[in-house]
C-alpha atoms as a PDB file:
ATOM      1  CA  MET A   1     120.457 131.341  76.024  1.00  0.00           C
ATOM      2  CA  SER A   2     117.017 132.764  75.289  1.00  0.00           C
ATOM      3  CA  PRO A   3     114.576 130.588  73.377  1.00  0.00           C
ATOM      4  CA  ARG A   4     113.755 131.771  69.916  1.00  0.00           C
ATOM      5  CA  ILE A   5     110.516 131.318  67.893  1.00  0.00           C
ATOM      6  CA  SER A   6     111.328 129.117  64.963  1.00  0.00           C
ATOM      7  CA  GLY A   7     108.510 129.660  62.454  1.00  0.00           C
ATOM      8  CA  GLY A   8     105.406 131.566  61.487  1.00  0.00           C
ATOM      9  CA  SER A   9     104.722 135.236  61.788  1.00  0.00           C
ATOM     10  CA  LEU A  10     106.982 135.708  64.875  1.00  0.00           C
ATOM     11  CA  ASN A  11     109.835 133.761  63.253  1.00  0.00           C
ATOM     12  CA  SER A  12     113.273 134.553  64.846  1.00  0.00           C
ATOM     13  CA  ARG A  13     111.843 136.655  67.763  1.00  0.00           C
ATOM     14  CA  LYS A  14     113.573 135.848  71.098  1.00  0.00           C
ATOM     15  CA  LEU A  15     111.856 135.206  74.360  1.00  0.00           C
ATOM     16  CA  LYS A  16     113.285 136.406  77.629  1.00  0.00           C
ATOM     17  CA  SER A  17     114.003 133.356  79.898  1.00  0.00           C
ATOM     18  CA  PRO A  18     113.471 133.894  83.530  1.00  0.00           C
ATOM     19  CA  LYS A  19     116.496 133.049  85.659  1.00  0.00           C
ATOM     20  CA  GLY A  20     116.465 130.083  88.162  1.00  0.00           C
ATOM     21  CA  LEU A  21     115.428 126.531  88.253  1.00  0.00           C
ATOM     22  CA  HIS A  22     111.723 127.031  87.403  1.00  0.00           C
ATOM     23  CA  VAL A  23     112.279 126.968  83.655  1.00  0.00           C
ATOM     24  CA  ARG A  24     113.592 124.099  81.428  1.00  0.00           C
ATOM     25  CA  PRO A  25     113.047 125.195  77.841  1.00  0.00           C
ATOM     26  CA  THR A  26     112.106 122.526  75.313  1.00  0.00           C
ATOM     27  CA  PRO A  27     115.173 122.113  73.090  1.00  0.00           C
ATOM     28  CA  GLY A  28     114.936 123.921  69.767  1.00  0.00           C
ATOM     29  CA  ARG A  29     115.283 120.741  67.738  1.00  0.00           C
ATOM     30  CA  VAL A  30     112.415 119.169  69.592  1.00  0.00           C
ATOM     31  CA  LYS A  31     110.248 122.195  69.206  1.00  0.00           C
ATOM     32  CA  GLU A  32     110.815 122.318  65.476  1.00  0.00           C
ATOM     33  CA  SER A  33     110.004 118.693  65.113  1.00  0.00           C
ATOM     34  CA  LEU A  34     106.911 118.986  67.136  1.00  0.00           C
ATOM     35  CA  PHE A  35     105.557 121.850  64.931  1.00  0.00           C
ATOM     36  CA  SER A  36     106.565 120.025  61.839  1.00  0.00           C
ATOM     37  CA  ILE A  37     104.443 117.083  63.051  1.00  0.00           C
ATOM     38  CA  LEU A  38     101.522 119.435  63.939  1.00  0.00           C
ATOM     39  CA  MET A  39     101.705 121.510  60.708  1.00  0.00           C
ATOM     40  CA  GLY A  40      98.377 120.411  59.349  1.00  0.00           C
ATOM     41  CA  ARG A  41      96.535 120.856  62.697  1.00  0.00           C
ATOM     42  CA  ILE A  42      97.818 124.164  64.089  1.00  0.00           C
ATOM     43  CA  GLU A  43      96.032 126.783  61.856  1.00  0.00           C
ATOM     44  CA  GLY A  44      92.938 127.879  63.708  1.00  0.00           C
ATOM     45  CA  ALA A  45      93.482 125.452  66.632  1.00  0.00           C
ATOM     46  CA  ARG A  46      92.730 126.111  70.288  1.00  0.00           C
ATOM     47  CA  PHE A  47      96.054 125.262  72.015  1.00  0.00           C
ATOM     48  CA  LEU A  48      96.596 124.582  75.772  1.00  0.00           C
ATOM     49  CA  ASP A  49     100.212 124.809  77.042  1.00  0.00           C
ATOM     50  CA  LEU A  50     100.413 123.289  80.522  1.00  0.00           C
ATOM     51  CA  PHE A  51     103.651 123.902  82.508  1.00  0.00           C
ATOM     52  CA  SER A  52     104.479 126.719  80.075  1.00  0.00           C
ATOM     53  CA  GLY A  53     107.873 127.878  81.453  1.00  0.00           C
ATOM     54  CA  THR A  54     109.074 130.592  79.029  1.00  0.00           C
ATOM     55  CA  GLY A  55     105.881 130.184  76.988  1.00  0.00           C
ATOM     56  CA  ALA A  56     107.921 129.184  73.942  1.00  0.00           C
ATOM     57  CA  ILE A  57     105.646 126.318  72.897  1.00  0.00           C
ATOM     58  CA  GLY A  58     102.533 128.518  73.282  1.00  0.00           C
ATOM     59  CA  PHE A  59     104.156 131.443  71.345  1.00  0.00           C
ATOM     60  CA  GLU A  60     105.250 129.078  68.556  1.00  0.00           C
ATOM     61  CA  ALA A  61     101.630 127.896  68.304  1.00  0.00           C
ATOM     62  CA  ALA A  62     100.343 131.449  68.083  1.00  0.00           C
ATOM     63  CA  SER A  63     103.037 132.363  65.595  1.00  0.00           C
ATOM     64  CA  ARG A  64     101.965 129.447  63.350  1.00  0.00           C
ATOM     65  CA  GLY A  65      98.342 130.329  63.273  1.00  0.00           C
ATOM     66  CA  ALA A  66      96.629 128.981  66.416  1.00  0.00           C
ATOM     67  CA  ALA A  67      93.376 130.856  67.017  1.00  0.00           C
ATOM     68  CA  ARG A  68      93.641 130.673  70.858  1.00  0.00           C
ATOM     69  CA  VAL A  69      96.554 129.813  73.177  1.00  0.00           C
ATOM     70  CA  VAL A  70      96.343 129.386  76.916  1.00  0.00           C
ATOM     71  CA  CYS A  71      99.605 129.185  78.786  1.00  0.00           C
ATOM     72  CA  VAL A  72      99.354 127.657  82.340  1.00  0.00           C
ATOM     73  CA  GLU A  73     102.400 128.300  84.587  1.00  0.00           C
ATOM     74  CA  GLY A  74     102.313 127.726  88.377  1.00  0.00           C
ATOM     75  CA  HIS A  75     105.285 129.920  89.179  1.00  0.00           C
ATOM     76  CA  ARG A  76     103.980 133.444  89.331  1.00  0.00           C
ATOM     77  CA  GLU A  77     107.021 135.371  88.298  1.00  0.00           C
ATOM     78  CA  THR A  78     107.496 133.063  85.248  1.00  0.00           C
ATOM     79  CA  ALA A  79     103.772 133.534  84.351  1.00  0.00           C
ATOM     80  CA  ALA A  80     104.220 137.341  84.613  1.00  0.00           C
ATOM     81  CA  ALA A  81     107.204 136.983  82.172  1.00  0.00           C
ATOM     82  CA  ILE A  82     104.964 135.116  79.718  1.00  0.00           C
ATOM     83  CA  GLU A  83     102.267 137.783  79.956  1.00  0.00           C
ATOM     84  CA  ALA A  84     104.838 140.563  79.409  1.00  0.00           C
ATOM     85  CA  ALA A  85     106.212 138.701  76.376  1.00  0.00           C
ATOM     86  CA  ALA A  86     102.656 138.365  74.896  1.00  0.00           C
ATOM     87  CA  GLY A  87     102.403 142.164  75.054  1.00  0.00           C
ATOM     88  CA  GLU A  88     105.767 142.763  73.591  1.00  0.00           C
ATOM     89  CA  LEU A  89     105.136 140.273  70.729  1.00  0.00           C
ATOM     90  CA  GLU A  90     101.753 141.814  70.119  1.00  0.00           C
ATOM     91  CA  VAL A  91      99.861 138.547  70.553  1.00  0.00           C
ATOM     92  CA  GLY A  92      97.887 139.426  73.742  1.00  0.00           C
ATOM     93  CA  THR A  93      94.566 138.965  71.960  1.00  0.00           C
ATOM     94  CA  VAL A  94      95.555 135.273  71.057  1.00  0.00           C
ATOM     95  CA  VAL A  95      97.670 134.219  74.039  1.00  0.00           C
ATOM     96  CA  ALA A  96      96.085 134.137  77.580  1.00  0.00           C
ATOM     97  CA  VAL A  97      98.141 133.334  80.700  1.00  0.00           C
ATOM     98  CA  VAL A  98      96.814 131.491  83.758  1.00  0.00           C
ATOM     99  CA  ALA A  99      99.130 131.789  86.840  1.00  0.00           C
ATOM    100  CA  ALA A 100      98.202 128.653  88.718  1.00  0.00           C
ATOM    101  CA  PRO A 101      99.249 125.087  89.136  1.00  0.00           C
ATOM    102  CA  ALA A 102      98.098 122.979  86.233  1.00  0.00           C
ATOM    103  CA  GLU A 103      95.509 120.897  88.132  1.00  0.00           C
ATOM    104  CA  ARG A 104      93.853 124.034  89.647  1.00  0.00           C
ATOM    105  CA  ALA A 105      93.927 125.763  86.308  1.00  0.00           C
ATOM    106  CA  LEU A 106      92.039 122.925  84.611  1.00  0.00           C
ATOM    107  CA  TYR A 107      89.051 123.589  87.029  1.00  0.00           C
ATOM    108  CA  ARG A 108      88.949 127.268  85.800  1.00  0.00           C
ATOM    109  CA  LEU A 109      89.417 126.810  82.054  1.00  0.00           C
ATOM    110  CA  GLU A 110      86.764 126.556  79.355  1.00  0.00           C
ATOM    111  CA  GLY A 111      87.335 124.129  76.404  1.00  0.00           C
ATOM    112  CA  PRO A 112      87.396 122.543  74.184  1.00  0.00           C
ATOM    113  CA  PHE A 113      91.055 122.475  73.129  1.00  0.00           C
ATOM    114  CA  ASP A 114      92.252 120.832  69.902  1.00  0.00           C
ATOM    115  CA  LEU A 115      95.952 120.454  71.017  1.00  0.00           C
ATOM    116  CA  VAL A 116      97.340 120.155  74.570  1.00  0.00           C
ATOM    117  CA  TYR A 117     100.937 120.248  75.377  1.00  0.00           C
ATOM    118  CA  LEU A 118     102.079 118.764  78.808  1.00  0.00           C
ATOM    119  CA  ASP A 119     105.615 119.424  79.840  1.00  0.00           C
ATOM    120  CA  PRO A 120     105.877 118.821  83.705  1.00  0.00           C
ATOM    121  CA  PRO A 121     109.291 118.584  85.413  1.00  0.00           C
ATOM    122  CA  TYR A 122     110.975 115.386  84.246  1.00  0.00           C
ATOM    123  CA  ALA A 123     111.487 114.234  87.845  1.00  0.00           C
ATOM    124  CA  SER A 124     107.731 113.981  88.471  1.00  0.00           C
ATOM    125  CA  GLU A 125     105.589 110.944  87.649  1.00  0.00           C
ATOM    126  CA  MET A 126     103.427 111.003  84.487  1.00  0.00           C
ATOM    127  CA  PRO A 127     100.491 113.310  85.423  1.00  0.00           C
ATOM    128  CA  LEU A 128      97.698 110.771  84.997  1.00  0.00           C
ATOM    129  CA  GLY A 129      95.431 112.995  87.128  1.00  0.00           C
ATOM    130  CA  LEU A 130      95.749 115.816  84.504  1.00  0.00           C
ATOM    131  CA  PHE A 131      94.905 113.473  81.636  1.00  0.00           C
ATOM    132  CA  ARG A 132      91.865 112.360  83.592  1.00  0.00           C
ATOM    133  CA  LEU A 133      90.776 115.984  84.381  1.00  0.00           C
ATOM    134  CA  LEU A 134      91.110 116.996  80.725  1.00  0.00           C
ATOM    135  CA  LEU A 135      88.546 114.337  79.898  1.00  0.00           C
ATOM    136  CA  ASP A 136      86.312 114.735  83.023  1.00  0.00           C
ATOM    137  CA  ARG A 137      86.045 118.576  82.557  1.00  0.00           C
ATOM    138  CA  GLY A 138      85.216 118.378  78.775  1.00  0.00           C
ATOM    139  CA  LEU A 139      88.307 120.273  77.836  1.00  0.00           C
ATOM    140  CA  LEU A 140      89.195 118.219  74.770  1.00  0.00           C
ATOM    141  CA  ALA A 141      87.723 118.456  71.293  1.00  0.00           C
ATOM    142  CA  ASP A 142      86.503 115.136  69.778  1.00  0.00           C
ATOM    143  CA  ASP A 143      89.674 114.859  67.670  1.00  0.00           C
ATOM    144  CA  ALA A 144      92.083 116.398  70.245  1.00  0.00           C
ATOM    145  CA  LEU A 145      95.714 115.574  70.455  1.00  0.00           C
ATOM    146  CA  VAL A 146      97.552 115.575  73.739  1.00  0.00           C
ATOM    147  CA  ILE A 147     101.320 115.713  73.552  1.00  0.00           C
ATOM    148  CA  TYR A 148     103.367 114.736  76.592  1.00  0.00           C
ATOM    149  CA  GLU A 149     107.019 115.743  76.755  1.00  0.00           C
ATOM    150  CA  HIS A 150     109.124 113.427  79.071  1.00  0.00           C
ATOM    151  CA  ALA A 151     112.495 112.093  79.617  1.00  0.00           C
ATOM    152  CA  ALA A 152     113.258 109.567  76.933  1.00  0.00           C
ATOM    153  CA  LYS A 153     114.388 106.978  79.564  1.00  0.00           C
ATOM    154  CA  SER A 154     110.966 106.940  81.212  1.00  0.00           C
ATOM    155  CA  LEU A 155     108.610 104.057  80.530  1.00  0.00           C
ATOM    156  CA  LEU A 156     105.016 105.285  80.031  1.00  0.00           C
ATOM    157  CA  PRO A 157     102.109 103.514  81.661  1.00  0.00           C
ATOM    158  CA  ASP A 158      98.858 103.003  79.853  1.00  0.00           C
ATOM    159  CA  VAL A 159      96.849 106.291  80.102  1.00  0.00           C
ATOM    160  CA  PRO A 160      93.131 105.432  80.954  1.00  0.00           C
ATOM    161  CA  GLY A 161      90.838 107.021  78.414  1.00  0.00           C
ATOM    162  CA  TYR A 162      93.437 107.573  75.833  1.00  0.00           C
ATOM    163  CA  ARG A 163      95.153 105.806  72.958  1.00  0.00           C
ATOM    164  CA  GLY A 164      98.808 106.340  72.120  1.00  0.00           C
ATOM    165  CA  VAL A 165      99.209 107.148  68.437  1.00  0.00           C
ATOM    166  CA  ARG A 166     102.875 108.139  68.153  1.00  0.00           C
ATOM    167  CA  GLU A 167     106.166 108.574  69.993  1.00  0.00           C
ATOM    168  CA  GLU A 168     109.231 110.413  69.027  1.00  0.00           C
ATOM    169  CA  VAL A 169     112.655 110.401  70.768  1.00  0.00           C
ATOM    170  CA  TYR A 170     115.202 113.164  70.419  1.00  0.00           C
ATOM    171  CA  GLY A 171     118.254 112.226  72.490  1.00  0.00           C
ATOM    172  CA  ASP A 172     117.133 112.626  76.146  1.00  0.00           C
ATOM    173  CA  VAL A 173     113.707 114.001  75.308  1.00  0.00           C
ATOM    174  CA  ALA A 174     110.642 112.177  74.122  1.00  0.00           C
ATOM    175  CA  LEU A 175     107.229 113.298  72.864  1.00  0.00           C
ATOM    176  CA  ALA A 176     104.253 110.957  73.322  1.00  0.00           C
ATOM    177  CA  PHE A 177     101.012 111.657  71.411  1.00  0.00           C
ATOM    178  CA  PHE A 178      97.659 110.639  72.599  1.00  0.00           C
ATOM    179  CA  THR A 179      93.969 110.949  71.458  1.00  0.00           C
ATOM    180  CA  PRO A 180      91.058 110.499  73.685  1.00  0.00           C
ATOM    181  CA  HIS A 181      90.068 106.810  73.459  1.00  0.00           C
ATOM    182  CA  GLY A 182      87.030 106.095  71.270  1.00  0.00           C
ATOM    183  CA  ARG A 183      86.775 109.722  70.063  1.00  0.00           C
ATOM    184  CA  ALA A 184      89.519 109.932  67.552  1.00  0.00           C
ATOM    185  CA  ARG A 185      88.674 110.352  63.873  1.00  0.00           C
ATOM    186  CA  ALA A 186      90.796 108.444  61.369  1.00  0.00           C
ATOM    187  CA  ASP A 187      92.692 111.717  60.500  1.00  0.00           C
ATOM    188  CA  ALA A 188      93.464 112.486  64.113  1.00  0.00           C
ATOM    189  CA  THR A 189      96.520 110.440  64.143  1.00  0.00           C
ATOM    190  CA  VAL A 190      99.752 112.187  63.305  1.00  0.00           C
ATOM    191  CA  GLY A 191     102.455 111.719  60.803  1.00  0.00           C
END
Protein backbone atom coordinates (compact mmCIF):
# COMPACT_ATOMS: atom_id res chain seq x y z
CA MET A 1 0.00 0.00 0.00
CA SER A 2 1.33 3.44 -0.93
CA PRO A 3 1.94 5.93 1.87
CA ARG A 4 -0.42 8.88 1.99
CA ILE A 5 0.26 12.41 3.24
CA SER A 6 -2.02 12.96 6.22
CA GLY A 7 -2.12 16.72 6.71
CA GLY A 8 -1.34 20.18 5.40
CA SER A 9 -1.45 21.48 1.85
CA LEU A 10 -0.74 18.04 0.30
CA ASN A 11 -3.30 16.23 2.47
CA SER A 12 -4.44 12.85 1.05
CA ARG A 13 -1.88 12.81 -1.78
CA LYS A 14 -0.35 9.36 -2.33
CA LEU A 15 3.35 8.61 -2.71
CA LYS A 16 4.64 5.87 -4.96
CA SER A 17 6.51 3.33 -2.88
CA PRO A 18 9.49 1.68 -4.62
CA LYS A 19 9.27 -2.09 -4.60
CA GLY A 20 11.79 -4.18 -2.69
CA LEU A 21 13.35 -4.38 0.72
CA HIS A 22 14.92 -0.91 0.69
CA VAL A 23 11.81 0.81 2.03
CA ARG A 24 9.97 0.36 5.33
CA PRO A 25 7.45 3.20 5.56
CA THR A 26 6.72 4.68 8.97
CA PRO A 27 3.23 3.48 9.94
CA GLY A 28 0.50 6.08 9.33
CA ARG A 29 -0.52 6.18 12.99
CA VAL A 30 3.08 6.91 14.04
CA LYS A 31 3.46 9.60 11.37
CA GLU A 32 0.24 11.33 12.42
CA SER A 33 1.26 11.24 16.09
CA LEU A 34 4.72 12.59 15.25
CA PHE A 35 3.32 15.60 13.41
CA SER A 36 0.76 16.20 16.11
CA ILE A 37 3.67 16.41 18.59
CA LEU A 38 5.64 18.71 16.24
CA MET A 39 2.64 20.91 15.38
CA GLY A 40 3.99 24.06 17.04
CA ARG A 41 7.49 23.64 15.60
CA ILE A 42 7.02 22.67 11.95
CA GLU A 43 5.89 25.97 10.33
CA GLY A 44 8.97 27.60 8.78
CA ALA A 45 11.32 24.89 10.10
CA ARG A 46 14.41 23.53 8.39
CA PHE A 47 13.81 19.74 8.37
CA LEU A 48 16.35 16.96 7.74
CA ASP A 49 15.01 13.46 6.99
CA LEU A 50 17.80 10.85 7.18
CA PHE A 51 17.10 7.37 5.74
CA SER A 52 14.13 8.85 3.86
CA GLY A 53 12.74 5.73 2.19
CA THR A 54 9.59 6.89 0.36
CA GLY A 55 10.17 10.47 1.54
CA ALA A 56 6.82 10.39 3.36
CA ILE A 57 8.16 12.08 6.51
CA GLY A 58 9.88 14.83 4.53
CA PHE A 59 6.84 15.41 2.32
CA GLU A 60 4.63 15.53 5.38
CA ALA A 61 6.92 18.22 6.83
CA ALA A 62 6.76 20.21 3.58
CA SER A 63 2.98 19.81 3.44
CA ARG A 64 2.67 21.20 6.96
CA GLY A 65 4.74 24.31 6.30
CA ALA A 66 8.44 23.47 6.71
CA ALA A 67 10.50 26.08 4.86
CA ARG A 68 13.24 23.65 3.79
CA VAL A 69 13.28 19.85 3.71
CA VAL A 70 16.32 17.73 2.88
CA CYS A 71 15.68 14.03 2.27
CA VAL A 72 18.76 11.81 2.48
CA GLU A 73 18.50 8.32 1.00
CA GLY A 74 21.43 6.00 0.28
CA HIS A 75 19.63 3.75 -2.22
CA ARG A 76 19.88 5.57 -5.57
CA GLU A 77 16.65 4.29 -7.15
CA THR A 78 14.70 5.16 -4.02
CA ALA A 79 16.28 8.64 -3.92
CA ALA A 80 15.32 9.12 -7.58
CA ALA A 81 11.71 8.19 -6.70
CA ILE A 82 11.67 10.84 -3.95
CA GLU A 83 12.97 13.43 -6.40
CA ALA A 84 10.33 12.47 -8.97
CA ALA A 85 7.62 12.70 -6.28
CA ALA A 86 8.83 16.20 -5.30
CA GLY A 87 8.27 17.27 -8.90
CA GLU A 88 4.85 15.61 -9.14
CA LEU A 89 3.75 17.19 -5.85
CA GLU A 90 5.17 20.57 -6.97
CA VAL A 91 7.34 21.00 -3.85
CA GLY A 92 10.70 20.86 -5.61
CA THR A 93 11.59 24.36 -4.36
CA VAL A 94 11.18 23.20 -0.73
CA VAL A 95 12.28 19.54 -0.88
CA ALA A 96 15.87 18.67 -1.84
CA VAL A 97 17.09 15.07 -2.19
CA VAL A 98 20.61 13.87 -1.43
CA ALA A 99 21.37 10.41 -2.84
CA ALA A 100 24.11 9.26 -0.47
CA PRO A 101 24.58 7.23 2.69
CA ALA A 102 23.60 9.31 5.72
CA GLU A 103 27.10 9.69 7.14
CA ARG A 104 28.57 10.86 3.84
CA ALA A 105 25.63 13.22 3.28
CA LEU A 106 26.22 14.95 6.64
CA TYR A 107 29.65 16.07 5.38
CA ARG A 108 28.00 17.71 2.35
CA LEU A 109 25.06 19.44 4.01
CA GLU A 110 24.80 23.00 5.25
CA GLY A 111 22.85 23.63 8.45
CA PRO A 112 21.46 24.48 10.72
CA PHE A 113 18.37 22.27 10.91
CA ASP A 114 15.58 22.77 13.42
CA LEU A 115 14.23 19.22 13.18
CA VAL A 116 16.04 16.01 12.27
CA TYR A 117 14.31 12.68 11.72
CA LEU A 118 16.49 9.55 11.91
CA ASP A 119 14.90 6.30 10.73
CA PRO A 120 17.68 3.77 10.06
CA PRO A 121 16.93 0.07 9.51
CA TYR A 122 15.69 -1.37 12.80
CA ALA A 123 18.28 -4.18 12.68
CA SER A 124 21.16 -1.70 12.88
CA GLU A 125 22.55 -0.30 16.12
CA MET A 126 21.65 3.19 17.25
CA PRO A 127 23.61 5.53 14.93
CA LEU A 128 25.62 7.31 17.63
CA GLY A 129 28.12 8.42 14.97
CA LEU A 130 25.38 10.33 13.14
CA PHE A 131 24.30 12.04 16.36
CA ARG A 132 27.94 13.07 16.91
CA LEU A 133 28.34 14.32 13.32
CA LEU A 134 25.21 16.46 13.58
CA LEU A 135 26.88 18.27 16.49
CA ASP A 136 30.44 18.31 15.16
CA ARG A 137 29.40 19.70 11.76
CA GLY A 138 27.21 22.43 13.30
CA LEU A 139 24.10 21.07 11.58
CA LEU A 140 21.75 21.69 14.51
CA ALA A 141 20.01 24.92 15.49
CA ASP A 142 20.37 25.89 19.16
CA ASP A 143 16.87 24.59 19.96
CA ALA A 144 16.94 21.66 17.51
CA LEU A 145 15.00 18.50 18.09
CA VAL A 146 16.31 15.13 16.85
CA ILE A 147 13.73 12.36 16.55
CA TYR A 148 14.95 8.76 16.36
CA GLU A 149 12.54 6.06 15.15
CA HIS A 150 13.45 2.60 16.40
CA ALA A 151 12.06 -0.80 17.33
CA ALA A 152 10.13 -0.46 20.61
CA LYS A 153 11.94 -3.44 22.12
CA SER A 154 15.36 -1.72 21.73
CA LEU A 155 16.97 -0.25 24.82
CA LEU A 156 18.56 3.08 24.01
CA PRO A 157 22.01 3.97 25.30
CA ASP A 158 22.86 7.45 26.54
CA VAL A 159 23.61 9.69 23.59
CA PRO A 160 26.70 11.83 24.29
CA GLY A 161 25.97 15.52 23.75
CA TYR A 162 22.17 15.09 23.90
CA ARG A 163 19.39 15.04 26.43
CA GLY A 164 16.37 12.77 25.97
CA VAL A 165 13.17 14.80 26.36
CA ARG A 166 10.40 12.37 25.38
CA GLU A 167 9.73 8.83 24.19
CA GLU A 168 6.53 7.53 22.61
CA VAL A 169 5.73 3.88 21.86
CA TYR A 170 3.24 2.77 19.19
CA GLY A 171 3.11 -1.04 19.21
CA ASP A 172 6.42 -2.23 17.73
CA VAL A 173 7.61 1.30 16.85
CA ALA A 174 9.04 3.92 19.20
CA LEU A 175 10.06 7.56 18.76
CA ALA A 176 12.76 9.04 20.97
CA PHE A 177 13.15 12.84 21.09
CA PHE A 178 16.50 14.47 21.86
CA THR A 179 17.83 18.01 22.18
CA PRO A 180 21.49 19.00 21.99
CA HIS A 181 22.78 18.93 25.58
CA GLY A 182 23.15 22.33 27.19
CA ARG A 183 21.70 24.18 24.20
CA ALA A 184 18.00 23.51 24.66
CA ARG A 185 15.72 26.39 25.58
CA ALA A 186 12.94 25.78 28.03
CA ASP A 187 10.40 25.66 25.19
CA ALA A 188 12.45 23.18 23.16
CA THR A 189 10.94 20.23 24.96
CA VAL A 190 7.94 18.66 23.33
CA GLY A 191 4.45 17.88 24.52
